[in-house]
Amino acid sequence: MTPSPRVLGFLPGGAAIGADGELVLHRRPLTELAGEFGTPCYLVDEDELRAQARRYLTAFRSRRTQSRVVFASKSFPSTPIYRVLAEEGLSCDVAGTGELELALAAGFAPADVYVHGNAKTEAEIRAAVEHGVGTFVIDNGDDIDRLLRWAPAGQHVMLRVIPEITVATHESMVTGQPESKFGLPGVQAREAIARLARSKLDLVGLHCHVGSQVLDLDSFARIPAALARYGEFAAYNFGGGLGVRYADTDDPPTVEAYAETLTQAAGACLPPSAEILVEPGRSLVARAGLTLYTVATVKRTGRTFVAVDGGMADNLEVVLLDLPMQPAIAARPDGGEVCDVVGRHCESGDRLVRGARLDSPRIGDVLVLPMTGAYSHTTASNYNGALRPPIVLSSAAAGARLAVRRETVEDLFARDRPATEEPR
């Protein structure tokens, strides 16, 4: 069978059309993997993940020696993913003690960890200080107060400023606009810079972020100048946000074009010796991941509904943002009937894909939802008592292996505490 450009264009590099016309990953049919590990299941092409990490490192280091790629770990905060990216030489940003502990356990050196968050608690700051993390990204004056109480002299910090750059993306993904909840605006940012200059903390640079799923390079090109107006520093963190291809009509910039845009713009207005940092998340992990489901029901009521054994509990961002995903039946990936792919949860909004084209969907089919490496595991929940899916890593050399087991019913009870026999 001739490979389907529509399907393969959204799947990781290890995917292909097998001799019998089925979708395979590293020569294993997806139907076979679904049978072995069950569904729903997060399947990650480890080779694709490593290749994208290397692509980022090469793209920036070849253009500016003083550069650093920092994994925006909120996009996929799981120990096996952290481990792969630590092995590839990336640094890591975390928001909260949970992400911090996972990142350190997976092998990231404390010095390579950047602590983010617009509402860092005293306990989180103390825990990060005790671990000896390299850099705190300060969001507000309260961060400064707490760090002055708990951080050692010379602790590296960066200040997050509002760049006043509004980008074209979903409103919940915009972060650099004047009214953003993240960072400090002009006058307050300058006051914080002056305060930090007088403190025991070492202000090494500035940070900003304009948004997520951004497909316009011009928006990124404006970032260095937005930071340059605050003066010269040793480092500038441009955040992340590079978009990916969810729909046929999406045309995201390449990593190389993104790196060229940022390094050229930085060269025009920032000190040549300054280190530049970027924080890819979605564009680093999205394509490496896919979700496998089993079709539970096909209902034709004037509109064809293909209901799967998962949904918003395992792919919440897809539902909330109505992302234009491109599903396929694993055994018959060429498309056909117009269908809505819906989940099993008790919400009318539990709709994964509107107007998908699926070839003769029927009960028991394995349905693959590509491009779910970012923010799927991140936002998974126990809606309707759903058990969070396993994470399976696959590579050409080692095949498929279970990296995170499926949640069990026993896990649902694990945090319960029995009531006392005698009321108090």
Protein backbone atom coordinates (compact mmCIF):
# COMPACT_ATOMS: atom_id res chain seq x y z
CA MET A 1 0.00 0.00 0.00
CA THR A 2 1.19 3.51 -0.75
CA PRO A 3 1.95 5.31 2.54
CA SER A 4 -0.59 7.94 3.54
CA PRO A 5 1.07 11.37 3.72
CA ARG A 6 -1.76 12.64 5.91
CA VAL A 7 -1.21 10.01 8.58
CA LEU A 8 2.56 9.74 8.52
CA GLY A 9 2.98 13.51 8.47
CA PHE A 10 1.78 13.61 12.07
CA LEU A 11 3.50 10.50 13.41
CA PRO A 12 7.05 10.16 14.77
CA GLY A 13 9.94 9.10 12.58
CA GLY A 14 9.81 5.47 13.67
CA ALA A 15 6.28 5.06 12.33
CA ALA A 16 5.50 3.58 8.93
CA ILE A 17 2.90 1.69 6.96
CA GLY A 18 3.54 -2.04 7.26
CA ALA A 19 3.39 -4.56 4.44
CA ASP A 20 -0.23 -5.35 5.30
CA GLY A 21 -1.22 -1.70 5.28
CA GLU A 22 -1.30 -1.26 9.07
CA LEU A 23 0.49 1.43 11.03
CA VAL A 24 3.66 0.22 12.73
CA LEU A 25 6.19 1.75 15.10
CA HIS A 26 9.71 0.34 14.84
CA ARG A 27 8.24 -2.57 12.87
CA ARG A 28 5.69 -3.45 15.56
CA PRO A 29 2.02 -3.06 14.49
CA LEU A 30 0.21 -0.56 16.69
CA THR A 31 -2.59 -3.10 17.07
CA GLU A 32 -0.04 -5.52 18.52
CA LEU A 33 1.31 -2.89 20.94
CA ALA A 34 -2.23 -2.05 22.03
CA GLY A 35 -2.81 -5.73 22.74
CA GLU A 36 0.37 -6.02 24.78
CA PHE A 37 0.10 -2.84 26.87
CA GLY A 38 -3.65 -2.17 26.78
CA THR A 39 -5.49 1.04 25.98
CA PRO A 40 -5.56 3.94 26.52
CA CYS A 41 -1.78 4.03 26.25
CA TYR A 42 0.80 6.77 25.77
CA LEU A 43 3.35 5.51 23.25
CA VAL A 44 6.60 7.48 22.86
CA ASP A 45 9.14 7.11 20.07
CA GLU A 46 12.35 7.46 22.07
CA ASP A 47 14.46 7.81 18.93
CA GLU A 48 12.31 10.74 17.77
CA LEU A 49 12.61 12.38 21.18
CA ARG A 50 16.38 12.07 21.20
CA ALA A 51 16.65 13.28 17.62
CA GLN A 52 14.62 16.39 18.37
CA ALA A 53 16.72 17.16 21.44
CA ARG A 54 19.89 16.89 19.35
CA ARG A 55 18.35 19.00 16.64
CA TYR A 56 17.68 21.78 19.14
CA LEU A 57 21.19 21.60 20.59
CA THR A 58 22.83 21.65 17.18
CA ALA A 59 20.61 24.44 15.84
CA PHE A 60 21.52 26.81 18.66
CA ARG A 61 25.10 25.84 19.45
CA SER A 62 26.11 26.01 15.79
CA ARG A 63 24.85 29.59 15.66
CA ARG A 64 25.87 30.81 19.10
CA THR A 65 28.37 28.93 21.25
CA GLN A 66 27.02 30.49 24.43
CA SER A 67 23.55 28.95 24.27
CA ARG A 68 21.54 26.52 26.35
CA VAL A 69 18.45 24.41 25.61
CA VAL A 70 16.23 23.99 28.66
CA PHE A 71 13.45 21.37 28.64
CA ALA A 72 10.13 22.99 29.61
CA SER A 73 9.22 19.96 31.64
CA LYS A 74 5.61 20.89 32.31
CA SER A 75 4.98 19.55 28.81
CA PHE A 76 5.79 15.96 29.85
CA PRO A 77 6.84 15.65 33.52
CA SER A 78 7.63 11.95 33.70
CA THR A 79 10.79 10.29 34.98
CA PRO A 80 11.62 8.35 31.77
CA ILE A 81 11.22 11.50 29.66
CA TYR A 82 13.36 13.54 32.04
CA ARG A 83 15.99 10.77 31.91
CA VAL A 84 16.20 10.72 28.12
CA LEU A 85 16.58 14.50 27.88
CA ALA A 86 19.12 14.63 30.71
CA GLU A 87 21.16 12.02 28.84
CA GLU A 88 21.01 14.19 25.72
CA GLY A 89 22.57 17.14 27.56
CA LEU A 90 19.62 19.48 28.00
CA SER A 91 18.97 21.58 31.08
CA CYS A 92 15.53 21.56 32.69
CA ASP A 93 12.94 23.98 34.00
CA VAL A 94 10.54 22.96 36.73
CA ALA A 95 7.53 24.52 38.41
CA GLY A 96 6.82 23.00 41.79
CA THR A 97 8.45 20.45 44.05
CA GLY A 98 6.97 17.48 42.18
CA GLU A 99 8.65 18.37 38.90
CA LEU A 100 11.85 19.20 40.77
CA GLU A 101 12.02 15.82 42.49
CA LEU A 102 11.26 13.93 39.27
CA ALA A 103 13.90 15.85 37.31
CA LEU A 104 16.61 15.28 39.92
CA ALA A 105 15.72 11.60 40.32
CA ALA A 106 15.98 11.15 36.55
CA GLY A 107 19.51 12.50 36.40
CA PHE A 108 19.41 16.26 35.88
CA ALA A 109 22.19 17.95 37.83
CA PRO A 110 20.85 20.54 40.31
CA ALA A 111 23.05 23.16 38.66
CA ASP A 112 21.17 22.61 35.38
CA VAL A 113 17.71 23.15 36.90
CA TYR A 114 15.73 26.39 36.58
CA VAL A 115 12.90 26.89 39.06
CA HIS A 116 9.85 28.67 37.65
CA GLY A 117 6.41 29.61 38.92
CA ASN A 118 4.32 32.71 39.52
CA ALA A 119 3.25 31.53 43.00
CA LYS A 120 6.24 29.77 44.54
CA THR A 121 5.59 28.78 48.13
CA GLU A 122 8.02 29.07 51.00
CA ALA A 123 8.25 25.28 51.16
CA GLU A 124 9.03 24.97 47.44
CA ILE A 125 11.78 27.55 47.62
CA ARG A 126 13.30 25.94 50.69
CA ALA A 127 13.24 22.49 49.04
CA ALA A 128 14.90 23.82 45.89
CA VAL A 129 17.56 25.63 47.92
CA GLU A 130 18.28 22.45 49.89
CA HIS A 131 18.79 20.59 46.62
CA GLY A 132 21.20 23.27 45.44
CA VAL A 133 19.37 24.19 42.25
CA GLY A 134 21.25 26.38 39.83
CA THR A 135 18.83 29.20 39.08
CA PHE A 136 15.53 30.62 40.29
CA VAL A 137 13.42 32.55 37.80
CA ILE A 138 11.89 35.35 39.85
CA ASP A 139 8.33 36.27 38.94
CA ASN A 140 7.47 38.89 41.58
CA GLY A 141 8.57 40.75 44.67
CA ASP A 142 7.37 37.99 46.97
CA ASP A 143 9.84 35.63 45.30
CA ILE A 144 12.61 38.07 46.16
CA ASP A 145 11.48 38.29 49.79
CA ARG A 146 11.48 34.51 50.19
CA LEU A 147 14.78 34.00 48.41
CA LEU A 148 16.42 36.62 50.59
CA ARG A 149 15.27 34.61 53.62
CA TRP A 150 16.29 31.15 52.40
CA ALA A 151 18.76 31.28 49.51
CA PRO A 152 22.52 31.42 50.07
CA ALA A 153 24.57 34.43 49.06
CA GLY A 154 25.40 34.29 45.38
CA GLN A 155 22.34 32.24 44.43
CA HIS A 156 21.79 32.67 40.68
CA VAL A 157 18.47 34.24 39.77
CA MET A 158 16.83 35.55 36.62
CA LEU A 159 14.00 38.05 36.53
CA ARG A 160 10.94 37.35 34.42
CA VAL A 161 9.71 40.48 32.67
CA ILE A 162 6.61 41.09 30.58
CA PRO A 163 7.81 41.66 27.00
CA GLU A 164 4.49 43.22 25.88
CA ILE A 165 4.37 40.99 22.82
CA THR A 166 0.95 39.60 21.94
CA VAL A 167 1.02 36.53 19.72
CA ALA A 168 -1.53 34.75 17.55
CA THR A 169 -2.51 31.60 19.45
CA HIS A 170 -5.27 30.33 21.73
CA GLU A 171 -6.06 32.91 24.41
CA SER A 172 -5.12 30.51 27.21
CA MET A 173 -1.64 30.12 25.68
CA VAL A 174 -0.74 33.82 25.48
CA THR A 175 1.78 34.77 28.18
CA GLY A 176 3.66 37.90 27.05
CA GLN A 177 0.82 40.40 26.73
CA PRO A 178 0.74 43.53 28.96
CA GLU A 179 -1.90 42.03 31.29
CA SER A 180 -0.11 38.67 31.70
CA LYS A 181 -0.14 37.06 35.13
CA PHE A 182 3.51 36.09 34.58
CA GLY A 183 6.42 38.42 35.21
CA LEU A 184 6.75 42.12 35.96
CA PRO A 185 6.01 45.11 33.72
CA GLY A 186 8.47 47.89 32.87
CA VAL A 187 8.69 50.12 35.95
CA GLN A 188 8.26 47.27 38.41
CA ALA A 189 10.83 45.19 36.55
CA ARG A 190 13.37 48.01 36.77
CA GLU A 191 12.68 48.42 40.47
CA ALA A 192 13.21 44.70 40.99
CA ILE A 193 16.46 44.81 39.02
CA ALA A 194 17.72 47.65 41.22
CA ARG A 195 16.67 45.81 44.39
CA LEU A 196 18.39 42.61 43.29
CA ALA A 197 21.56 44.52 42.44
CA ARG A 198 21.74 45.60 46.11
CA SER A 199 20.99 42.12 47.47
CA LYS A 200 22.96 38.97 48.21
CA LEU A 201 21.38 37.30 45.18
CA ASP A 202 23.24 37.17 41.87
CA LEU A 203 21.00 38.48 39.08
CA VAL A 204 22.53 36.75 36.07
CA GLY A 205 19.90 37.70 33.53
CA LEU A 206 16.35 38.18 32.32
CA HIS A 207 13.58 35.84 31.25
CA CYS A 208 10.40 36.21 29.24
CA HIS A 209 7.86 34.05 27.43
CA VAL A 210 5.40 35.14 24.75
CA GLY A 211 3.09 32.13 24.47
CA SER A 212 2.63 28.54 23.33
CA GLN A 213 1.86 27.03 19.90
CA VAL A 214 3.23 30.13 18.15
CA LEU A 215 3.71 29.69 14.39
CA ASP A 216 4.95 33.19 13.56
CA LEU A 217 8.72 33.81 13.61
CA ASP A 218 8.23 37.58 13.68
CA SER A 219 6.87 37.30 17.21
CA PHE A 220 10.04 35.54 18.38
CA ALA A 221 12.23 38.05 16.53
CA ARG A 222 10.93 40.82 18.80
CA ILE A 223 11.98 39.14 22.04
CA PRO A 224 15.69 40.12 22.25
CA ALA A 225 14.93 43.82 21.81
CA ALA A 226 12.21 43.61 24.47
CA LEU A 227 14.83 42.32 26.92
CA ALA A 228 17.65 44.59 25.75
CA ARG A 229 15.83 47.69 26.98
CA TYR A 230 16.55 46.63 30.58
CA GLY A 231 20.31 46.66 30.15
CA GLU A 232 23.21 44.26 29.73
CA PHE A 233 23.31 40.94 31.57
CA ALA A 234 25.24 37.69 31.38
CA ALA A 235 22.23 35.67 30.16
CA TYR A 236 18.87 36.11 28.43
CA ASN A 237 16.18 33.45 28.44
CA PHE A 238 13.75 33.79 25.53
CA GLY A 239 11.31 31.14 26.81
CA GLY A 240 9.72 28.62 24.49
CA GLY A 241 6.50 28.47 22.53
CA LEU A 242 7.46 27.22 19.06
CA GLY A 243 4.36 25.63 17.58
CA VAL A 244 3.87 22.22 15.99
CA ARG A 245 1.76 20.83 13.16
CA TYR A 246 -1.63 19.62 14.36
CA ALA A 247 -3.56 20.26 11.12
CA ASP A 248 -2.77 19.94 7.42
CA THR A 249 -2.95 23.71 7.18
CA ASP A 250 -0.38 24.33 9.95
CA ASP A 251 3.05 25.36 8.71
CA PRO A 252 5.29 25.65 11.79
CA PRO A 253 8.82 27.03 11.43
CA THR A 254 11.65 24.53 11.59
CA VAL A 255 13.85 24.41 14.67
CA GLU A 256 16.69 25.71 12.49
CA ALA A 257 14.64 28.71 11.30
CA TYR A 258 13.60 29.41 14.88
CA ALA A 259 17.22 29.31 16.05
CA GLU A 260 18.34 31.52 13.16
CA THR A 261 15.66 34.09 13.95
CA LEU A 262 16.49 34.30 17.65
CA THR A 263 20.27 34.31 17.29
CA GLN A 264 20.20 36.93 14.53
CA ALA A 265 17.91 39.17 16.57
CA ALA A 266 20.05 38.64 19.67
CA GLY A 267 23.18 39.52 17.75
CA ALA A 268 21.71 42.85 16.79
CA CYS A 269 21.00 44.12 20.30
CA LEU A 270 22.45 41.92 23.05
CA PRO A 271 26.05 41.62 24.27
CA PRO A 272 27.97 39.11 22.11
CA SER A 273 29.29 37.35 25.21
CA ALA A 274 25.85 36.82 26.74
CA GLU A 275 24.42 33.31 26.99
CA ILE A 276 21.03 32.83 25.37
CA LEU A 277 18.57 30.22 26.56
CA VAL A 278 15.42 28.72 25.07
CA GLU A 279 12.83 26.52 26.75
CA PRO A 280 11.19 24.16 24.24
CA GLY A 281 8.39 21.95 25.48
CA ARG A 282 5.65 21.24 22.94
CA SER A 283 8.01 21.40 19.95
CA LEU A 284 10.40 19.03 21.70
CA VAL A 285 8.01 16.26 22.76
CA ALA A 286 4.69 16.56 20.89
CA ARG A 287 5.47 14.55 17.77
CA ALA A 288 7.35 11.85 19.68
CA GLY A 289 4.15 10.82 21.44
CA LEU A 290 0.89 9.25 20.34
CA THR A 291 -2.09 7.81 22.19
CA LEU A 292 -3.65 4.44 21.46
CA TYR A 293 -7.35 3.85 22.13
CA THR A 294 -9.82 1.06 21.51
CA VAL A 295 -13.12 1.92 19.85
CA ALA A 296 -15.91 1.04 22.28
CA THR A 297 -18.98 2.26 20.38
CA VAL A 298 -19.89 3.54 16.93
CA LYS A 299 -23.17 5.46 16.87
CA ARG A 300 -24.81 6.92 13.78
CA THR A 301 -27.57 9.38 14.62
CA GLY A 302 -27.30 11.67 11.62
CA ARG A 303 -23.76 12.28 12.85
CA THR A 304 -21.26 9.47 13.33
CA PHE A 305 -19.80 9.25 16.81
CA VAL A 306 -16.79 7.01 17.38
CA ALA A 307 -16.46 6.59 21.14
CA VAL A 308 -13.15 5.38 22.56
CA ASP A 309 -12.11 3.97 25.92
CA GLY A 310 -10.45 7.21 27.03
CA GLY A 311 -10.92 10.90 26.38
CA MET A 312 -10.57 14.07 28.39
CA ALA A 313 -9.10 12.22 31.38
CA ASP A 314 -6.00 11.35 29.34
CA ASN A 315 -5.96 14.13 26.69
CA LEU A 316 -7.47 17.14 28.40
CA GLU A 317 -5.60 19.82 26.44
CA VAL A 318 -6.87 18.36 23.16
CA VAL A 319 -10.43 18.78 24.45
CA LEU A 320 -10.04 22.17 26.14
CA LEU A 321 -8.27 23.82 23.22
CA ASP A 322 -10.19 21.94 20.51
CA LEU A 323 -6.91 21.10 18.81
CA PRO A 324 -7.34 19.93 15.18
CA MET A 325 -5.95 16.44 15.68
CA GLN A 326 -5.55 13.85 12.90
CA PRO A 327 -6.61 10.39 14.17
CA ALA A 328 -6.54 7.15 12.20
CA ILE A 329 -7.66 3.56 12.56
CA ALA A 330 -4.38 1.72 13.05
CA ALA A 331 -5.33 -1.19 10.78
CA ARG A 332 -6.88 1.03 8.06
CA PRO A 333 -5.18 4.42 8.22
CA ASP A 334 -6.28 5.96 4.93
CA GLY A 335 -9.45 7.70 6.14
CA GLY A 336 -12.98 7.77 4.74
CA GLU A 337 -16.16 8.41 6.74
CA VAL A 338 -16.51 11.77 8.51
CA CYS A 339 -16.77 11.11 12.25
CA ASP A 340 -16.53 12.80 15.62
CA VAL A 341 -14.15 10.98 17.95
CA VAL A 342 -15.54 11.29 21.46
CA GLY A 343 -14.46 10.08 24.87
CA ARG A 344 -16.19 7.96 27.48
CA HIS A 345 -16.52 10.62 30.16
CA CYS A 346 -19.73 12.22 31.40
CA GLU A 347 -19.20 15.59 29.73
CA SER A 348 -20.65 16.84 26.47
CA GLY A 349 -17.35 18.58 25.92
CA ASP A 350 -15.47 15.27 25.96
CA ARG A 351 -14.87 15.41 22.23
CA LEU A 352 -11.37 14.61 20.99
CA VAL A 353 -11.77 15.36 17.27
CA ARG A 354 -14.51 16.92 15.18
CA GLY A 355 -14.92 15.89 11.57
CA ALA A 356 -12.21 13.22 11.50
CA ARG A 357 -12.01 10.91 8.48
CA LEU A 358 -11.84 7.27 9.54
CA ASP A 359 -12.01 4.14 7.41
CA SER A 360 -15.09 2.10 8.41
CA PRO A 361 -14.69 2.46 12.19
CA ARG A 362 -16.02 -0.43 14.25
CA ILE A 363 -15.97 -1.80 17.78
CA GLY A 364 -12.56 -3.16 18.75
CA ASP A 365 -10.56 -1.06 16.31
CA VAL A 366 -7.36 0.49 17.64
CA LEU A 367 -7.50 4.24 17.07
CA VAL A 368 -4.28 6.25 17.10
CA LEU A 369 -4.21 9.92 18.06
CA PRO A 370 -0.87 11.42 16.93
CA MET A 371 0.92 14.50 18.29
CA THR A 372 0.03 13.86 21.93
CA GLY A 373 3.50 13.89 23.46
CA ALA A 374 2.89 17.32 24.98
CA TYR A 375 0.48 18.08 27.84
CA SER A 376 -1.38 14.74 27.72
CA HIS A 377 0.31 12.89 30.58
CA THR A 378 0.70 16.32 32.19
CA THR A 379 -3.04 16.93 32.52
CA ALA A 380 -4.23 13.33 33.02
CA SER A 381 -6.84 12.85 35.73
CA ASN A 382 -9.13 10.30 37.37
CA TYR A 383 -12.32 11.72 35.85
CA ASN A 384 -15.07 9.11 36.34
CA GLY A 385 -12.49 7.03 38.18
CA ALA A 386 -10.38 6.63 35.04
CA LEU A 387 -7.02 4.94 35.54
CA ARG A 388 -4.20 7.01 34.15
CA PRO A 389 -2.54 5.35 31.13
CA PRO A 390 0.88 3.73 31.02
CA ILE A 391 3.83 5.26 29.21
CA VAL A 392 5.55 2.94 26.76
CA LEU A 393 8.89 3.88 25.20
CA SER A 394 9.84 2.41 21.83
CA SER A 395 13.14 2.52 19.98
CA ALA A 396 14.55 0.82 16.92
CA ALA A 397 17.30 -0.85 18.95
CA ALA A 398 15.40 -1.96 22.05
CA GLY A 399 11.82 -2.25 20.88
CA ALA A 400 8.90 -1.31 23.14
CA ARG A 401 9.14 -1.34 26.93
CA LEU A 402 6.85 -0.30 29.76
CA ALA A 403 8.33 2.85 31.35
CA VAL A 404 5.41 3.86 33.60
CA ARG A 405 2.78 1.28 34.52
CA ARG A 406 -0.95 1.84 34.22
CA GLU A 407 -2.63 3.16 37.33
CA THR A 408 -4.63 0.56 39.27
CA VAL A 409 -7.80 0.64 41.33
CA GLU A 410 -5.58 0.12 44.36
CA ASP A 411 -3.82 3.38 43.46
CA LEU A 412 -7.17 5.17 43.69
CA PHE A 413 -7.40 4.11 47.33
CA ALA A 414 -3.73 4.64 48.17
CA ARG A 415 -4.21 8.05 49.78
CA ASP A 416 -7.36 7.19 51.70
CA ARG A 417 -7.20 7.06 55.50
CA PRO A 418 -9.70 4.99 57.50
CA ALA A 419 -12.07 6.88 59.75
CA THR A 420 -11.41 6.57 63.48
CA GLU A 421 -13.61 4.12 65.29
CA GLU A 422 -14.57 6.59 67.98
CA PRO A 423 -15.63 10.12 67.04
CA ARG A 424 -13.66 12.89 68.72
